[in-house]
Amino acid sequence: MAAQKNITESVYRVGGLKGDHCRDRIEHTLSHLYGVSSVKVDMASQQVVVSHDETVNSSGYIEETLQSLGYSVQE
């Protein structure tokens, strides 16, 4: 795999997180997106932190993926 050069850390406030199954689902789905190097879900703060290559997966695409899983993304 080629080295990722444009790593960006994006933080999303996510509504609808209800338990470990939500955390596991988000981490599993986002970690399988090409260009994503890490995913951390903080249940206490209702935040998802994603490190990704911005040239491969934009923040908007990750936000759309979270919404497709049924979570609301808040500004």
Protein backbone atom coordinates (compact mmCIF):
# COMPACT_ATOMS: atom_id res chain seq x y z
CA MET A 1 0.00 0.00 0.00
CA ALA A 2 1.29 3.48 -0.83
CA ALA A 3 2.17 5.82 2.01
CA GLN A 4 -0.55 8.26 2.93
CA LYS A 5 0.67 11.83 2.62
CA ASN A 6 -2.25 14.14 3.35
CA ILE A 7 -3.45 12.82 6.68
CA THR A 8 -6.20 14.91 8.22
CA GLU A 9 -7.90 14.41 11.57
CA SER A 10 -11.62 15.14 11.40
CA VAL A 11 -13.83 15.33 14.49
CA TYR A 12 -17.59 14.76 14.23
CA ARG A 13 -20.23 15.27 16.94
CA VAL A 14 -22.56 12.35 16.39
CA GLY A 15 -26.07 12.01 17.74
CA GLY A 16 -27.70 8.65 18.33
CA LEU A 17 -24.79 6.82 19.97
CA LYS A 18 -26.44 4.46 22.44
CA GLY A 19 -23.93 1.79 23.36
CA ASP A 20 -20.96 -0.36 22.49
CA HIS A 21 -22.75 -1.76 19.43
CA CYS A 22 -22.90 1.78 17.96
CA ARG A 23 -19.20 2.33 18.64
CA ASP A 24 -18.29 -1.04 17.10
CA ARG A 25 -20.45 -0.44 14.03
CA ILE A 26 -18.94 2.99 13.34
CA GLU A 27 -15.36 1.85 13.94
CA HIS A 28 -15.83 -1.22 11.74
CA THR A 29 -17.48 0.64 8.86
CA LEU A 30 -15.20 3.68 8.77
CA SER A 31 -11.99 1.70 9.27
CA HIS A 32 -12.77 -0.22 6.07
CA LEU A 33 -12.96 2.94 3.96
CA TYR A 34 -9.92 3.33 1.73
CA GLY A 35 -7.65 6.09 3.03
CA VAL A 36 -8.82 5.89 6.66
CA SER A 37 -5.95 5.15 9.04
CA SER A 38 -7.75 5.28 12.40
CA VAL A 39 -11.18 5.72 13.96
CA LYS A 40 -11.91 6.50 17.60
CA VAL A 41 -15.41 6.81 19.04
CA ASP A 42 -15.77 8.59 22.39
CA MET A 43 -19.15 7.69 23.82
CA ALA A 44 -18.93 10.23 26.68
CA SER A 45 -18.42 13.24 24.37
CA GLN A 46 -20.47 11.73 21.50
CA GLN A 47 -17.53 12.35 19.15
CA VAL A 48 -15.96 10.36 16.36
CA VAL A 49 -12.35 11.17 15.45
CA VAL A 50 -11.16 9.93 12.06
CA SER A 51 -7.61 10.15 10.69
CA HIS A 52 -7.78 9.91 6.92
CA ASP A 53 -6.08 10.88 3.69
CA GLU A 54 -8.06 13.90 2.51
CA THR A 55 -7.11 13.23 -1.13
CA VAL A 56 -8.77 9.79 -0.94
CA ASN A 57 -11.73 10.34 1.41
CA SER A 58 -13.01 13.82 2.09
CA SER A 59 -14.57 14.82 5.39
CA GLY A 60 -17.86 15.15 3.56
CA TYR A 61 -17.79 11.52 2.43
CA ILE A 62 -17.10 10.33 5.98
CA GLU A 63 -19.97 12.49 7.24
CA GLU A 64 -22.27 11.00 4.59
CA THR A 65 -21.19 7.50 5.63
CA LEU A 66 -22.05 8.24 9.27
CA GLN A 67 -25.46 9.52 8.19
CA SER A 68 -26.05 6.43 6.03
CA LEU A 69 -25.52 4.35 9.18
CA GLY A 70 -28.40 6.27 10.78
CA TYR A 71 -26.48 8.75 12.95
CA SER A 72 -26.94 12.50 12.92
CA VAL A 73 -23.83 14.61 12.48
CA GLN A 74 -24.00 17.90 14.35
CA GLU A 75 -22.00 21.07 13.74
